[in-house]
Amino acid sequence: MFSLFTLCHLAATSPHKTVCDGRACRPGEGNAQGITHGSNPYDIRGGSLKLNPHEPDPASPLYAPLAAAAKDAASKGLVYMCAADYDFREIASNWMRAFVRLGLKNALVYALDAEAHAHLTARGVRSVDGSLAMADFNRTRLARHIQRAEAERHLAAAAVAASGVDVLLMDCSH
């Protein structure tokens, strides 16, 4: 395949890493380096989806655990939700601690990778693993991890809303 970028590779999987040199990556370290927000160093695969890879259906296997957790966490039909990957695990933990200090229990974190979910749940943070939904974006034209993360967190919030729970999506990453 011809590419304008001499060292390109196809965006079949996310280049985002959580392990760097045999240890947990520091925030941002696992991201591709030297790429600006508007650049795309990857070839777009032929046949890549130009639309979302899935619908925000709360009954689907991708979102049923999230919808159930949101219903369980909701107070008066409202849940506060943020999304975070492994790079932002400590910010998400801090975000949840703020809710606990305020006496609010209707918050949850949508973890964008399995490592973030494991880290958060080990610390008692109510978290739902969204790594399968994130992986589904590998079929799309969104070649960069941040693009996928931004798109997926909104689909996840839409799935929660479609389940009948009001959701306030808050930002703690990207």
N, C-alpha and C. Protein backbone atom coordinates (compact mmCIF):
# COMPACT_ATOMS: atom_id res chain seq x y z
N MET A 1 0.84 -1.17 0.00
CA MET A 1 0.00 0.00 0.00
C MET A 1 0.89 1.24 0.00
N PHE A 2 0.57 2.20 -0.85
CA PHE A 2 1.32 3.45 -0.92
C PHE A 2 0.96 4.34 0.26
N SER A 3 1.94 5.00 0.83
CA SER A 3 1.70 5.91 1.93
C SER A 3 2.56 7.15 1.77
N LEU A 4 2.02 8.28 2.14
CA LEU A 4 2.80 9.51 2.16
C LEU A 4 3.74 9.54 3.35
N PHE A 5 3.46 8.72 4.33
CA PHE A 5 4.29 8.65 5.53
C PHE A 5 5.21 7.45 5.40
N THR A 6 6.50 7.66 5.48
CA THR A 6 7.45 6.59 5.18
C THR A 6 7.47 5.48 6.22
N LEU A 7 7.15 5.75 7.43
CA LEU A 7 7.20 4.72 8.47
C LEU A 7 5.82 4.41 9.02
N CYS A 8 4.81 4.45 8.17
CA CYS A 8 3.44 4.22 8.62
C CYS A 8 3.14 2.74 8.78
N HIS A 9 2.11 2.50 9.54
CA HIS A 9 1.54 1.17 9.62
C HIS A 9 0.03 1.32 9.63
N LEU A 10 -0.66 0.26 9.33
CA LEU A 10 -2.11 0.31 9.31
C LEU A 10 -2.64 0.36 10.72
N ALA A 11 -3.74 1.06 10.90
CA ALA A 11 -4.34 1.21 12.22
C ALA A 11 -5.29 0.05 12.51
N ALA A 12 -4.75 -1.15 12.57
CA ALA A 12 -5.57 -2.33 12.86
C ALA A 12 -5.84 -2.45 14.35
N THR A 13 -4.93 -1.98 15.15
CA THR A 13 -5.11 -1.97 16.60
C THR A 13 -4.61 -0.63 17.12
N SER A 14 -5.00 -0.32 18.31
CA SER A 14 -4.57 0.94 18.91
C SER A 14 -3.11 0.84 19.31
N PRO A 15 -2.30 1.87 19.02
CA PRO A 15 -0.91 1.86 19.44
C PRO A 15 -0.74 2.28 20.90
N HIS A 16 -1.84 2.57 21.58
CA HIS A 16 -1.79 3.00 22.97
C HIS A 16 -1.31 1.84 23.85
N LYS A 17 -0.29 2.09 24.68
CA LYS A 17 0.27 1.06 25.55
C LYS A 17 0.02 1.41 27.01
N THR A 18 -0.03 0.38 27.86
CA THR A 18 -0.14 0.59 29.31
C THR A 18 1.09 0.08 30.04
N VAL A 19 1.95 -0.68 29.35
CA VAL A 19 3.19 -1.18 29.94
C VAL A 19 4.35 -0.60 29.12
N CYS A 20 5.25 0.09 29.79
CA CYS A 20 6.41 0.72 29.16
C CYS A 20 7.67 0.22 29.85
N ASP A 21 8.56 -0.40 29.09
CA ASP A 21 9.82 -0.92 29.64
C ASP A 21 9.60 -1.83 30.85
N GLY A 22 8.57 -2.67 30.79
CA GLY A 22 8.31 -3.65 31.84
C GLY A 22 7.64 -3.10 33.09
N ARG A 23 7.18 -1.86 33.07
CA ARG A 23 6.52 -1.26 34.22
C ARG A 23 5.29 -0.50 33.73
N ALA A 24 4.42 -0.09 34.66
CA ALA A 24 3.25 0.69 34.29
C ALA A 24 3.68 2.02 33.69
N CYS A 25 3.11 2.36 32.55
CA CYS A 25 3.44 3.63 31.90
C CYS A 25 3.01 4.80 32.78
N ARG A 26 3.81 5.83 32.76
CA ARG A 26 3.40 7.08 33.40
C ARG A 26 2.34 7.72 32.51
N PRO A 27 1.50 8.61 33.07
CA PRO A 27 0.46 9.23 32.25
C PRO A 27 1.02 9.85 30.97
N GLY A 28 0.45 9.46 29.85
CA GLY A 28 0.85 9.97 28.54
C GLY A 28 2.00 9.23 27.90
N GLU A 29 2.76 8.47 28.68
CA GLU A 29 3.94 7.79 28.15
C GLU A 29 3.57 6.70 27.14
N GLY A 30 2.43 6.06 27.32
CA GLY A 30 2.02 4.98 26.43
C GLY A 30 1.40 5.44 25.13
N ASN A 31 1.23 6.74 24.98
CA ASN A 31 0.66 7.28 23.75
C ASN A 31 1.73 7.41 22.68
N ALA A 32 1.31 7.40 21.43
CA ALA A 32 2.25 7.65 20.33
C ALA A 32 2.85 9.03 20.53
N GLN A 33 4.14 9.17 20.31
CA GLN A 33 4.85 10.42 20.59
C GLN A 33 5.01 11.25 19.32
N GLY A 34 5.03 12.57 19.49
CA GLY A 34 5.30 13.48 18.39
C GLY A 34 4.17 13.67 17.41
N ILE A 35 2.96 13.34 17.80
CA ILE A 35 1.82 13.47 16.91
C ILE A 35 0.96 14.62 17.40
N THR A 36 0.64 15.55 16.51
CA THR A 36 -0.22 16.66 16.90
C THR A 36 -1.68 16.24 16.74
N HIS A 37 -2.58 17.02 17.33
CA HIS A 37 -3.99 16.66 17.33
C HIS A 37 -4.55 16.52 15.92
N GLY A 38 -4.09 17.33 14.99
CA GLY A 38 -4.64 17.28 13.64
C GLY A 38 -3.97 16.31 12.70
N SER A 39 -2.87 15.70 13.13
CA SER A 39 -2.16 14.79 12.22
C SER A 39 -2.64 13.36 12.39
N ASN A 40 -2.41 12.57 11.40
CA ASN A 40 -2.78 11.16 11.45
C ASN A 40 -1.67 10.37 10.77
N PRO A 41 -0.79 9.74 11.55
CA PRO A 41 0.36 9.05 10.95
C PRO A 41 0.04 7.65 10.44
N TYR A 42 -1.21 7.29 10.37
CA TYR A 42 -1.58 5.94 9.98
C TYR A 42 -2.31 5.94 8.65
N ASP A 43 -2.10 4.90 7.89
CA ASP A 43 -2.90 4.71 6.68
C ASP A 43 -4.29 4.29 7.12
N ILE A 44 -5.28 4.73 6.40
CA ILE A 44 -6.65 4.32 6.66
C ILE A 44 -6.89 3.03 5.90
N ARG A 45 -7.32 2.02 6.61
CA ARG A 45 -7.59 0.72 5.98
C ARG A 45 -8.75 0.86 5.00
N GLY A 46 -8.60 0.23 3.85
CA GLY A 46 -9.70 0.19 2.90
C GLY A 46 -10.89 -0.51 3.54
N GLY A 47 -12.07 0.02 3.35
CA GLY A 47 -13.26 -0.58 3.92
C GLY A 47 -13.51 -0.20 5.37
N SER A 48 -12.71 0.69 5.93
CA SER A 48 -12.93 1.10 7.31
C SER A 48 -14.26 1.83 7.42
N LEU A 49 -14.92 1.62 8.54
CA LEU A 49 -16.20 2.27 8.78
C LEU A 49 -16.02 3.77 8.93
N LYS A 50 -16.95 4.51 8.35
CA LYS A 50 -16.96 5.96 8.52
C LYS A 50 -18.00 6.36 9.55
N LEU A 51 -18.67 5.39 10.11
CA LEU A 51 -19.70 5.62 11.13
C LEU A 51 -19.28 4.93 12.42
N ASN A 52 -20.09 5.12 13.45
CA ASN A 52 -19.82 4.41 14.70
C ASN A 52 -19.87 2.91 14.45
N PRO A 53 -19.02 2.14 15.12
CA PRO A 53 -18.99 0.70 14.89
C PRO A 53 -20.15 -0.04 15.54
N HIS A 54 -20.87 0.64 16.42
CA HIS A 54 -22.00 0.01 17.11
C HIS A 54 -22.95 1.11 17.58
N GLU A 55 -24.16 0.71 17.89
CA GLU A 55 -25.17 1.64 18.39
C GLU A 55 -25.11 1.68 19.92
N PRO A 56 -25.55 2.77 20.53
CA PRO A 56 -25.57 2.84 21.99
C PRO A 56 -26.78 2.12 22.58
N ASP A 57 -26.86 0.84 22.32
CA ASP A 57 -27.99 0.01 22.76
C ASP A 57 -27.70 -0.53 24.16
N PRO A 58 -28.46 -0.13 25.17
CA PRO A 58 -28.18 -0.58 26.53
C PRO A 58 -28.41 -2.08 26.74
N ALA A 59 -29.09 -2.74 25.82
CA ALA A 59 -29.31 -4.18 25.94
C ALA A 59 -28.22 -5.00 25.25
N SER A 60 -27.35 -4.33 24.50
CA SER A 60 -26.29 -5.05 23.78
C SER A 60 -25.24 -5.56 24.75
N PRO A 61 -24.50 -6.60 24.37
CA PRO A 61 -23.43 -7.11 25.24
C PRO A 61 -22.37 -6.06 25.57
N LEU A 62 -22.19 -5.09 24.68
CA LEU A 62 -21.19 -4.04 24.94
C LEU A 62 -21.62 -3.11 26.06
N TYR A 63 -22.92 -2.83 26.16
CA TYR A 63 -23.38 -1.81 27.10
C TYR A 63 -24.28 -2.33 28.22
N ALA A 64 -24.71 -3.58 28.19
CA ALA A 64 -25.57 -4.10 29.26
C ALA A 64 -24.92 -3.98 30.64
N PRO A 65 -23.62 -4.32 30.79
CA PRO A 65 -23.01 -4.15 32.12
C PRO A 65 -22.98 -2.69 32.57
N LEU A 66 -22.74 -1.78 31.65
CA LEU A 66 -22.73 -0.35 31.98
C LEU A 66 -24.12 0.12 32.37
N ALA A 67 -25.13 -0.27 31.61
CA ALA A 67 -26.51 0.13 31.92
C ALA A 67 -26.93 -0.41 33.29
N ALA A 68 -26.56 -1.66 33.59
CA ALA A 68 -26.90 -2.24 34.89
C ALA A 68 -26.18 -1.51 36.02
N ALA A 69 -24.91 -1.21 35.84
CA ALA A 69 -24.15 -0.49 36.87
C ALA A 69 -24.70 0.92 37.07
N ALA A 70 -25.11 1.57 35.98
CA ALA A 70 -25.67 2.92 36.09
C ALA A 70 -26.99 2.89 36.84
N LYS A 71 -27.83 1.91 36.55
CA LYS A 71 -29.10 1.78 37.27
C LYS A 71 -28.86 1.51 38.75
N ASP A 72 -27.86 0.69 39.04
CA ASP A 72 -27.52 0.37 40.42
C ASP A 72 -26.98 1.59 41.16
N ALA A 73 -26.20 2.40 40.48
CA ALA A 73 -25.57 3.56 41.12
C ALA A 73 -26.49 4.77 41.18
N ALA A 74 -27.48 4.84 40.33
CA ALA A 74 -28.30 6.04 40.19
C ALA A 74 -29.03 6.40 41.49
N SER A 75 -29.14 7.69 41.70
CA SER A 75 -29.93 8.23 42.80
C SER A 75 -30.95 9.18 42.17
N LYS A 76 -32.22 8.91 42.44
CA LYS A 76 -33.29 9.71 41.84
C LYS A 76 -33.17 9.72 40.32
N GLY A 77 -32.73 8.59 39.76
CA GLY A 77 -32.64 8.44 38.31
C GLY A 77 -31.46 9.12 37.66
N LEU A 78 -30.46 9.58 38.46
CA LEU A 78 -29.32 10.30 37.91
C LEU A 78 -28.02 9.61 38.30
N VAL A 79 -27.12 9.51 37.34
CA VAL A 79 -25.77 9.00 37.62
C VAL A 79 -24.76 9.97 37.01
N TYR A 80 -23.69 10.20 37.77
CA TYR A 80 -22.55 10.97 37.27
C TYR A 80 -21.56 9.97 36.70
N MET A 81 -21.05 10.24 35.52
CA MET A 81 -20.15 9.29 34.88
C MET A 81 -18.97 10.02 34.26
N CYS A 82 -17.80 9.43 34.40
CA CYS A 82 -16.65 9.90 33.64
C CYS A 82 -16.03 8.68 32.96
N ALA A 83 -15.21 8.93 31.98
CA ALA A 83 -14.52 7.86 31.27
C ALA A 83 -13.03 8.11 31.37
N ALA A 84 -12.28 7.04 31.58
CA ALA A 84 -10.83 7.19 31.71
C ALA A 84 -10.13 5.94 31.22
N ASP A 85 -8.98 6.14 30.58
CA ASP A 85 -8.13 5.01 30.25
C ASP A 85 -7.02 4.94 31.29
N TYR A 86 -6.09 4.03 31.08
CA TYR A 86 -5.04 3.78 32.07
C TYR A 86 -4.20 5.02 32.35
N ASP A 87 -3.98 5.85 31.35
CA ASP A 87 -3.20 7.07 31.55
C ASP A 87 -3.85 7.99 32.58
N PHE A 88 -5.16 7.96 32.67
CA PHE A 88 -5.90 8.87 33.54
C PHE A 88 -6.51 8.17 34.75
N ARG A 89 -5.98 7.02 35.11
CA ARG A 89 -6.52 6.22 36.22
C ARG A 89 -6.48 6.96 37.54
N GLU A 90 -5.41 7.69 37.82
CA GLU A 90 -5.31 8.40 39.10
C GLU A 90 -6.26 9.60 39.14
N ILE A 91 -6.46 10.25 38.01
CA ILE A 91 -7.42 11.36 37.98
C ILE A 91 -8.82 10.82 38.20
N ALA A 92 -9.15 9.67 37.60
CA ALA A 92 -10.47 9.06 37.80
C ALA A 92 -10.65 8.64 39.25
N SER A 93 -9.60 8.10 39.87
CA SER A 93 -9.68 7.73 41.29
C SER A 93 -9.94 8.97 42.14
N ASN A 94 -9.24 10.05 41.84
CA ASN A 94 -9.43 11.30 42.56
C ASN A 94 -10.83 11.86 42.34
N TRP A 95 -11.32 11.76 41.11
CA TRP A 95 -12.67 12.20 40.78
C TRP A 95 -13.68 11.48 41.66
N MET A 96 -13.52 10.16 41.80
CA MET A 96 -14.45 9.38 42.62
C MET A 96 -14.31 9.74 44.09
N ARG A 97 -13.08 9.96 44.57
CA ARG A 97 -12.88 10.35 45.97
C ARG A 97 -13.60 11.66 46.27
N ALA A 98 -13.63 12.57 45.33
CA ALA A 98 -14.35 13.83 45.53
C ALA A 98 -15.84 13.57 45.73
N PHE A 99 -16.41 12.66 44.96
CA PHE A 99 -17.82 12.33 45.13
C PHE A 99 -18.06 11.69 46.50
N VAL A 100 -17.18 10.81 46.91
CA VAL A 100 -17.31 10.16 48.21
C VAL A 100 -17.25 11.21 49.33
N ARG A 101 -16.32 12.13 49.23
CA ARG A 101 -16.19 13.19 50.25
C ARG A 101 -17.43 14.06 50.32
N LEU A 102 -18.11 14.22 49.20
CA LEU A 102 -19.35 14.99 49.18
C LEU A 102 -20.56 14.17 49.63
N GLY A 103 -20.34 12.89 49.87
CA GLY A 103 -21.43 12.02 50.29
C GLY A 103 -22.30 11.54 49.14
N LEU A 104 -21.83 11.69 47.92
CA LEU A 104 -22.58 11.24 46.75
C LEU A 104 -22.14 9.84 46.36
N LYS A 105 -23.10 8.97 46.14
CA LYS A 105 -22.78 7.59 45.78
C LYS A 105 -23.23 7.23 44.38
N ASN A 106 -23.78 8.20 43.65
CA ASN A 106 -24.31 7.91 42.31
C ASN A 106 -23.33 8.30 41.22
N ALA A 107 -22.11 7.78 41.34
CA ALA A 107 -21.07 8.06 40.34
C ALA A 107 -20.41 6.75 39.93
N LEU A 108 -19.96 6.71 38.69
CA LEU A 108 -19.21 5.55 38.22
C LEU A 108 -18.23 5.97 37.14
N VAL A 109 -17.20 5.15 36.99
CA VAL A 109 -16.17 5.40 35.97
C VAL A 109 -16.31 4.35 34.88
N TYR A 110 -16.34 4.80 33.65
CA TYR A 110 -16.34 3.91 32.49
C TYR A 110 -14.89 3.77 32.06
N ALA A 111 -14.29 2.62 32.36
CA ALA A 111 -12.88 2.38 32.06
C ALA A 111 -12.73 2.01 30.59
N LEU A 112 -11.86 2.71 29.90
CA LEU A 112 -11.69 2.52 28.46
C LEU A 112 -10.70 1.41 28.12
N ASP A 113 -10.07 0.82 29.10
CA ASP A 113 -9.23 -0.36 28.87
C ASP A 113 -9.27 -1.23 30.13
N ALA A 114 -8.94 -2.50 29.95
CA ALA A 114 -9.04 -3.47 31.04
C ALA A 114 -8.08 -3.13 32.18
N GLU A 115 -6.93 -2.57 31.85
CA GLU A 115 -5.96 -2.23 32.89
C GLU A 115 -6.48 -1.12 33.79
N ALA A 116 -7.13 -0.13 33.22
CA ALA A 116 -7.72 0.94 34.04
C ALA A 116 -8.81 0.37 34.93
N HIS A 117 -9.64 -0.50 34.37
CA HIS A 117 -10.71 -1.12 35.16
C HIS A 117 -10.14 -1.90 36.34
N ALA A 118 -9.11 -2.70 36.10
CA ALA A 118 -8.50 -3.48 37.18
C ALA A 118 -7.91 -2.55 38.25
N HIS A 119 -7.24 -1.51 37.82
CA HIS A 119 -6.64 -0.55 38.75
C HIS A 119 -7.72 0.12 39.61
N LEU A 120 -8.79 0.56 38.96
CA LEU A 120 -9.84 1.28 39.67
C LEU A 120 -10.60 0.37 40.64
N THR A 121 -10.98 -0.81 40.18
CA THR A 121 -11.74 -1.70 41.07
C THR A 121 -10.89 -2.16 42.25
N ALA A 122 -9.58 -2.31 42.05
CA ALA A 122 -8.70 -2.69 43.16
C ALA A 122 -8.67 -1.60 44.23
N ARG A 123 -9.02 -0.39 43.86
CA ARG A 123 -9.04 0.73 44.81
C ARG A 123 -10.46 1.07 45.27
N GLY A 124 -11.39 0.20 44.96
CA GLY A 124 -12.76 0.39 45.43
C GLY A 124 -13.58 1.39 44.63
N VAL A 125 -13.11 1.74 43.45
CA VAL A 125 -13.84 2.67 42.59
C VAL A 125 -14.86 1.89 41.78
N ARG A 126 -16.10 2.35 41.78
CA ARG A 126 -17.13 1.70 40.95
C ARG A 126 -16.77 1.95 39.49
N SER A 127 -16.44 0.88 38.79
CA SER A 127 -15.93 0.98 37.42
C SER A 127 -16.57 -0.09 36.56
N VAL A 128 -16.75 0.23 35.29
CA VAL A 128 -17.25 -0.72 34.30
C VAL A 128 -16.21 -0.80 33.19
N ASP A 129 -15.86 -2.01 32.79
CA ASP A 129 -14.85 -2.23 31.76
C ASP A 129 -15.45 -2.00 30.37
N GLY A 130 -14.97 -0.98 29.68
CA GLY A 130 -15.45 -0.66 28.34
C GLY A 130 -14.46 -1.04 27.25
N SER A 131 -13.52 -1.92 27.56
CA SER A 131 -12.46 -2.24 26.60
C SER A 131 -12.98 -2.91 25.33
N LEU A 132 -14.03 -3.70 25.43
CA LEU A 132 -14.57 -4.34 24.22
C LEU A 132 -15.19 -3.31 23.27
N ALA A 133 -15.88 -2.34 23.83
CA ALA A 133 -16.46 -1.29 22.99
C ALA A 133 -15.36 -0.45 22.36
N MET A 134 -14.30 -0.18 23.12
CA MET A 134 -13.16 0.57 22.56
C MET A 134 -12.51 -0.22 21.43
N ALA A 135 -12.33 -1.52 21.63
CA ALA A 135 -11.70 -2.35 20.61
C ALA A 135 -12.52 -2.38 19.32
N ASP A 136 -13.83 -2.23 19.46
CA ASP A 136 -14.70 -2.23 18.28
C ASP A 136 -14.38 -1.05 17.36
N PHE A 137 -13.80 0.00 17.90
CA PHE A 137 -13.42 1.16 17.09
C PHE A 137 -12.23 0.88 16.18
N ASN A 138 -11.54 -0.24 16.38
CA ASN A 138 -10.43 -0.59 15.49
C ASN A 138 -10.90 -0.80 14.05
N ARG A 139 -12.20 -1.01 13.86
CA ARG A 139 -12.75 -1.21 12.52
C ARG A 139 -13.07 0.11 11.82
N THR A 140 -12.88 1.21 12.52
CA THR A 140 -13.30 2.51 11.98
C THR A 140 -12.12 3.30 11.43
N ARG A 141 -12.42 4.46 10.91
CA ARG A 141 -11.38 5.36 10.40
C ARG A 141 -10.72 6.16 11.53
N LEU A 142 -11.20 6.01 12.75
CA LEU A 142 -10.58 6.71 13.88
C LEU A 142 -9.30 5.97 14.25
N ALA A 143 -8.18 6.46 13.76
CA ALA A 143 -6.92 5.75 13.88
C ALA A 143 -6.19 6.03 15.19
N ARG A 144 -6.51 7.13 15.84
CA ARG A 144 -5.77 7.50 17.04
C ARG A 144 -6.57 7.16 18.29
N HIS A 145 -5.89 6.75 19.33
CA HIS A 145 -6.53 6.34 20.58
C HIS A 145 -7.42 7.45 21.13
N ILE A 146 -6.94 8.67 21.12
CA ILE A 146 -7.74 9.76 21.68
C ILE A 146 -9.04 9.96 20.91
N GLN A 147 -9.01 9.77 19.60
CA GLN A 147 -10.23 9.89 18.80
C GLN A 147 -11.23 8.82 19.21
N ARG A 148 -10.74 7.61 19.40
CA ARG A 148 -11.61 6.50 19.80
C ARG A 148 -12.17 6.74 21.19
N ALA A 149 -11.32 7.20 22.11
CA ALA A 149 -11.75 7.45 23.49
C ALA A 149 -12.84 8.52 23.54
N GLU A 150 -12.64 9.59 22.80
CA GLU A 150 -13.63 10.67 22.80
C GLU A 150 -14.95 10.20 22.21
N ALA A 151 -14.91 9.41 21.16
CA ALA A 151 -16.14 8.92 20.56
C ALA A 151 -16.84 7.90 21.46
N GLU A 152 -16.08 6.98 22.03
CA GLU A 152 -16.68 5.91 22.82
C GLU A 152 -17.33 6.42 24.09
N ARG A 153 -16.73 7.38 24.76
CA ARG A 153 -17.34 7.85 26.01
C ARG A 153 -18.72 8.47 25.76
N HIS A 154 -18.89 9.11 24.59
CA HIS A 154 -20.20 9.68 24.27
C HIS A 154 -21.21 8.60 23.91
N LEU A 155 -20.78 7.57 23.20
CA LEU A 155 -21.69 6.46 22.92
C LEU A 155 -22.10 5.76 24.21
N ALA A 156 -21.16 5.61 25.14
CA ALA A 156 -21.48 4.97 26.42
C ALA A 156 -22.50 5.79 27.20
N ALA A 157 -22.33 7.09 27.23
CA ALA A 157 -23.30 7.95 27.92
C ALA A 157 -24.67 7.87 27.26
N ALA A 158 -24.69 7.79 25.93
CA ALA A 158 -25.96 7.65 25.21
C ALA A 158 -26.63 6.32 25.55
N ALA A 159 -25.84 5.27 25.72
CA ALA A 159 -26.40 3.97 26.10
C ALA A 159 -27.01 4.03 27.50
N VAL A 160 -26.35 4.72 28.41
CA VAL A 160 -26.91 4.88 29.77
C VAL A 160 -28.22 5.65 29.69
N ALA A 161 -28.24 6.74 28.94
CA ALA A 161 -29.47 7.52 28.80
C ALA A 161 -30.58 6.69 28.17
N ALA A 162 -30.23 5.87 27.18
CA ALA A 162 -31.23 5.02 26.53
C ALA A 162 -31.77 3.95 27.47
N SER A 163 -31.03 3.65 28.54
CA SER A 163 -31.50 2.66 29.52
C SER A 163 -32.51 3.26 30.48
N GLY A 164 -32.73 4.57 30.39
CA GLY A 164 -33.71 5.22 31.25
C GLY A 164 -33.10 5.96 32.43
N VAL A 165 -31.79 6.00 32.50
CA VAL A 165 -31.09 6.71 33.58
C VAL A 165 -30.57 8.03 33.03
N ASP A 166 -30.83 9.11 33.75
CA ASP A 166 -30.23 10.39 33.36
C ASP A 166 -28.75 10.32 33.68
N VAL A 167 -27.92 10.82 32.78
CA VAL A 167 -26.48 10.72 32.97
C VAL A 167 -25.84 12.09 32.74
N LEU A 168 -24.94 12.44 33.64
CA LEU A 168 -24.14 13.64 33.46
C LEU A 168 -22.72 13.16 33.18
N LEU A 169 -22.30 13.26 31.93
CA LEU A 169 -20.96 12.83 31.54
C LEU A 169 -19.99 13.94 31.89
N MET A 170 -19.04 13.61 32.74
CA MET A 170 -18.05 14.58 33.19
C MET A 170 -16.70 14.19 32.63
N ASP A 171 -15.79 15.14 32.58
CA ASP A 171 -14.49 14.90 31.96
C ASP A 171 -13.42 14.73 33.02
N CYS A 172 -12.67 13.65 32.91
CA CYS A 172 -11.49 13.48 33.77
C CYS A 172 -10.32 12.97 32.94
N SER A 173 -10.46 13.03 31.63
CA SER A 173 -9.38 12.55 30.76
C SER A 173 -9.45 13.25 29.41
N HIS A 174 -8.38 13.11 28.68
CA HIS A 174 -8.27 13.58 27.30
C HIS A 174 -8.75 15.00 27.16
